[in-house]
Each structure stands twice: as structure tokens, then as C-alpha cells.
């Protein structure tokens, strides 16, 4: 039989860490976006159009990346919470079985 050991605090901590990384990533991308926007001044014609199109693609890609990392962080934290809730339910079910068994045993004596 396979034994699954889950360190809930570590799982929750990992989720918080990944969420923090998503925030750092968002801050870094915002800074880069601001620098690129500042560099756009003075561009004209076809060059400006190409640069604007590239910036729009970068923005879409960076938002998707940040969203994916943030979702992963939240999913880790959610997994820890769901696992803890399931373990509590299983523990209660076992406790209920023990109480029922004790009740039956005491009725026989």
C-alpha cells in the first residue's frame, strides 16, 4: 500500500511563496512596461506601428504568465485547505465508527 504524507504547512507555504513570486513578476513587468512606454516617444510611422503591435503582444503574454503563476499559487493553497478538510472529515468518520463500536460492545456486556 502506498502511503501519502502531506506536510500541509509546507504546501500552504509553497502556495504563498508562488503567489508572492506572481506579485514580484507583476511588479517587474509593470516596470518594464513603463520603460518601454517611455522609450516610445519619438517613434513615428511604420516603426511606431510595429513597436505598438509588439508592445500589445508583450502585454498579453505577460498578463497570461502572471495569471498562470498566480493561479498556481492559489491552487497550492486551495489544495492544502481541501486536503485538511478531507482529513478532518475522515478523522470524524473514524471517530464515529469507534463510538458506535464501543456502544455495541457495552450493550453486549
C-alpha atoms as a PDB file:
ATOM      1  CA  UNK A   1       0.000   0.000   0.000  1.00  0.00           C
ATOM      2  CA  UNK A   2       1.277   3.449  -0.882  1.00  0.00           C
ATOM      3  CA  UNK A   3       1.475   5.956   1.942  1.00  0.00           C
ATOM      4  CA  UNK A   4       0.935   9.594   1.098  1.00  0.00           C
ATOM      5  CA  UNK A   5       2.436  12.018   3.565  1.00  0.00           C
ATOM      6  CA  UNK A   6       1.429  15.630   3.070  1.00  0.00           C
ATOM      7  CA  UNK A   7       3.002  18.462   5.027  1.00  0.00           C
ATOM      8  CA  UNK A   8       0.090  20.887   4.950  1.00  0.00           C
ATOM      9  CA  UNK A   9       2.080  23.801   6.336  1.00  0.00           C
ATOM     10  CA  UNK A  10       4.762  23.296   3.683  1.00  0.00           C
ATOM     11  CA  UNK A  11       2.132  23.058   0.943  1.00  0.00           C
ATOM     12  CA  UNK A  12       0.465  26.252   2.173  1.00  0.00           C
ATOM     13  CA  UNK A  13       3.859  27.956   2.474  1.00  0.00           C
ATOM     14  CA  UNK A  14       4.733  26.936  -1.086  1.00  0.00           C
ATOM     15  CA  UNK A  15       1.444  28.390  -2.299  1.00  0.00           C
ATOM     16  CA  UNK A  16       2.121  31.678  -0.541  1.00  0.00           C
ATOM     17  CA  UNK A  17       5.652  31.731  -1.972  1.00  0.00           C
ATOM     18  CA  UNK A  18       4.411  31.175  -5.528  1.00  0.00           C
ATOM     19  CA  UNK A  19       1.748  33.871  -5.048  1.00  0.00           C
ATOM     20  CA  UNK A  20       4.493  36.228  -3.880  1.00  0.00           C
ATOM     21  CA  UNK A  21       6.514  35.365  -6.969  1.00  0.00           C
ATOM     22  CA  UNK A  22       3.497  36.284  -9.111  1.00  0.00           C
ATOM     23  CA  UNK A  23       3.315  39.662  -7.367  1.00  0.00           C
ATOM     24  CA  UNK A  24       7.042  40.225  -7.931  1.00  0.00           C
ATOM     25  CA  UNK A  25       6.637  39.236 -11.566  1.00  0.00           C
ATOM     26  CA  UNK A  26       3.744  41.681 -11.970  1.00  0.00           C
ATOM     27  CA  UNK A  27       5.839  44.468 -10.455  1.00  0.00           C
ATOM     28  CA  UNK A  28       8.776  43.687 -12.745  1.00  0.00           C
ATOM     29  CA  UNK A  29       6.566  43.580 -15.840  1.00  0.00           C
ATOM     30  CA  UNK A  30       4.916  46.874 -14.879  1.00  0.00           C
ATOM     31  CA  UNK A  31       8.345  48.461 -14.535  1.00  0.00           C
ATOM     32  CA  UNK A  32       9.395  47.079 -17.918  1.00  0.00           C
ATOM     33  CA  UNK A  33       6.133  48.259 -19.499  1.00  0.00           C
ATOM     34  CA  UNK A  34       6.724  51.757 -18.132  1.00  0.00           C
ATOM     35  CA  UNK A  35      10.273  51.824 -19.526  1.00  0.00           C
ATOM     36  CA  UNK A  36       9.093  50.618 -22.942  1.00  0.00           C
ATOM     37  CA  UNK A  37       6.302  53.187 -22.964  1.00  0.00           C
ATOM     38  CA  UNK A  38       8.789  55.937 -22.123  1.00  0.00           C
ATOM     39  CA  UNK A  39      11.035  54.724 -24.959  1.00  0.00           C
ATOM     40  CA  UNK A  40       8.167  55.002 -27.463  1.00  0.00           C
ATOM     41  CA  UNK A  41       8.385  58.787 -27.506  1.00  0.00           C
ATOM     42  CA  UNK A  42       9.683  59.976 -30.811  1.00  0.00           C
ATOM     43  CA  UNK A  43       8.898  56.855 -32.822  1.00  0.00           C
ATOM     44  CA  UNK A  44       6.837  57.597 -35.933  1.00  0.00           C
ATOM     45  CA  UNK A  45       5.286  55.934 -38.930  1.00  0.00           C
ATOM     46  CA  UNK A  46       5.739  52.234 -39.592  1.00  0.00           C
ATOM     47  CA  UNK A  47       8.294  51.877 -36.801  1.00  0.00           C
ATOM     48  CA  UNK A  48       5.819  53.214 -34.261  1.00  0.00           C
ATOM     49  CA  UNK A  49       3.091  50.893 -35.565  1.00  0.00           C
ATOM     50  CA  UNK A  50       5.358  47.840 -35.346  1.00  0.00           C
ATOM     51  CA  UNK A  51       6.523  48.814 -31.864  1.00  0.00           C
ATOM     52  CA  UNK A  52       2.933  49.335 -30.676  1.00  0.00           C
ATOM     53  CA  UNK A  53       1.902  45.938 -32.059  1.00  0.00           C
ATOM     54  CA  UNK A  54       4.869  44.274 -30.343  1.00  0.00           C
ATOM     55  CA  UNK A  55       4.081  46.001 -27.053  1.00  0.00           C
ATOM     56  CA  UNK A  56       0.466  44.814 -27.238  1.00  0.00           C
ATOM     57  CA  UNK A  57       1.666  41.210 -27.742  1.00  0.00           C
ATOM     58  CA  UNK A  58       4.114  41.523 -24.855  1.00  0.00           C
ATOM     59  CA  UNK A  59       1.369  42.868 -22.608  1.00  0.00           C
ATOM     60  CA  UNK A  60      -0.949  39.974 -23.462  1.00  0.00           C
ATOM     61  CA  UNK A  61       1.821  37.424 -22.917  1.00  0.00           C
ATOM     62  CA  UNK A  62       2.957  38.955 -19.631  1.00  0.00           C
ATOM     63  CA  UNK A  63      -0.608  39.099 -18.288  1.00  0.00           C
ATOM     64  CA  UNK A  64      -1.112  35.428 -19.173  1.00  0.00           C
ATOM     65  CA  UNK A  65       2.159  34.476 -17.500  1.00  0.00           C
ATOM     66  CA  UNK A  66       1.399  36.423 -14.334  1.00  0.00           C
ATOM     67  CA  UNK A  67      -2.123  34.992 -14.224  1.00  0.00           C
ATOM     68  CA  UNK A  68      -0.817  31.450 -14.622  1.00  0.00           C
ATOM     69  CA  UNK A  69       1.735  31.811 -11.832  1.00  0.00           C
ATOM     70  CA  UNK A  70      -0.848  33.439  -9.547  1.00  0.00           C
ATOM     71  CA  UNK A  71      -3.372  30.683 -10.306  1.00  0.00           C
ATOM     72  CA  UNK A  72      -0.748  28.066  -9.452  1.00  0.00           C
ATOM     73  CA  UNK A  73      -0.057  29.733  -6.094  1.00  0.00           C
ATOM     74  CA  UNK A  74      -3.741  29.886  -5.232  1.00  0.00           C
ATOM     75  CA  UNK A  75      -4.214  26.268  -6.347  1.00  0.00           C
ATOM     76  CA  UNK A  76      -1.468  25.093  -3.983  1.00  0.00           C
ATOM     77  CA  UNK A  77      -3.082  26.921  -1.081  1.00  0.00           C
ATOM     78  CA  UNK A  78      -6.521  25.612  -2.035  1.00  0.00           C
ATOM     79  CA  UNK A  79      -5.169  22.058  -2.262  1.00  0.00           C
ATOM     80  CA  UNK A  80      -3.803  22.344   1.276  1.00  0.00           C
ATOM     81  CA  UNK A  81      -7.147  23.608   2.585  1.00  0.00           C
ATOM     82  CA  UNK A  82      -9.123  20.897   0.772  1.00  0.00           C
ATOM     83  CA  UNK A  83      -6.753  18.177   1.958  1.00  0.00           C
ATOM     84  CA  UNK A  84      -7.031  19.388   5.561  1.00  0.00           C
ATOM     85  CA  UNK A  85     -10.837  19.429   5.332  1.00  0.00           C
ATOM     86  CA  UNK A  86     -10.917  15.916   3.846  1.00  0.00           C
ATOM     87  CA  UNK A  87      -8.598  14.633   6.571  1.00  0.00           C
ATOM     88  CA  UNK A  88     -10.813  16.188   9.250  1.00  0.00           C
ATOM     89  CA  UNK A  89     -13.886  14.513   7.727  1.00  0.00           C
ATOM     90  CA  UNK A  90     -12.117  11.141   7.599  1.00  0.00           C
ATOM     91  CA  UNK A  91     -10.948  11.505  11.196  1.00  0.00           C
ATOM     92  CA  UNK A  92     -14.510  12.302  12.286  1.00  0.00           C
ATOM     93  CA  UNK A  93     -15.864   9.294  10.372  1.00  0.00           C
ATOM     94  CA  UNK A  94     -13.344   7.022  12.109  1.00  0.00           C
ATOM     95  CA  UNK A  95     -14.219   8.538  15.483  1.00  0.00           C
ATOM     96  CA  UNK A  96     -17.914   7.884  14.774  1.00  0.00           C
ATOM     97  CA  UNK A  97     -17.135   4.242  13.951  1.00  0.00           C
ATOM     98  CA  UNK A  98     -15.185   3.900  17.204  1.00  0.00           C
ATOM     99  CA  UNK A  99     -18.059   5.366  19.232  1.00  0.00           C
ATOM    100  CA  UNK A 100     -20.545   3.040  17.550  1.00  0.00           C
ATOM    101  CA  UNK A 101     -18.289   0.033  18.177  1.00  0.00           C
ATOM    102  CA  UNK A 102     -17.864   0.992  21.836  1.00  0.00           C
ATOM    103  CA  UNK A 103     -21.644   1.370  22.192  1.00  0.00           C
ATOM    104  CA  UNK A 104     -22.255  -2.079  20.725  1.00  0.00           C
ATOM    105  CA  UNK A 105     -19.566  -3.622  22.882  1.00  0.00           C
ATOM    106  CA  UNK A 106     -21.040  -2.105  26.050  1.00  0.00           C
ATOM    107  CA  UNK A 107     -24.525  -3.406  25.138  1.00  0.00           C
ATOM    108  CA  UNK A 108     -23.164  -6.960  24.916  1.00  0.00           C
ATOM    109  CA  UNK A 109     -21.780  -6.827  28.476  1.00  0.00           C
END
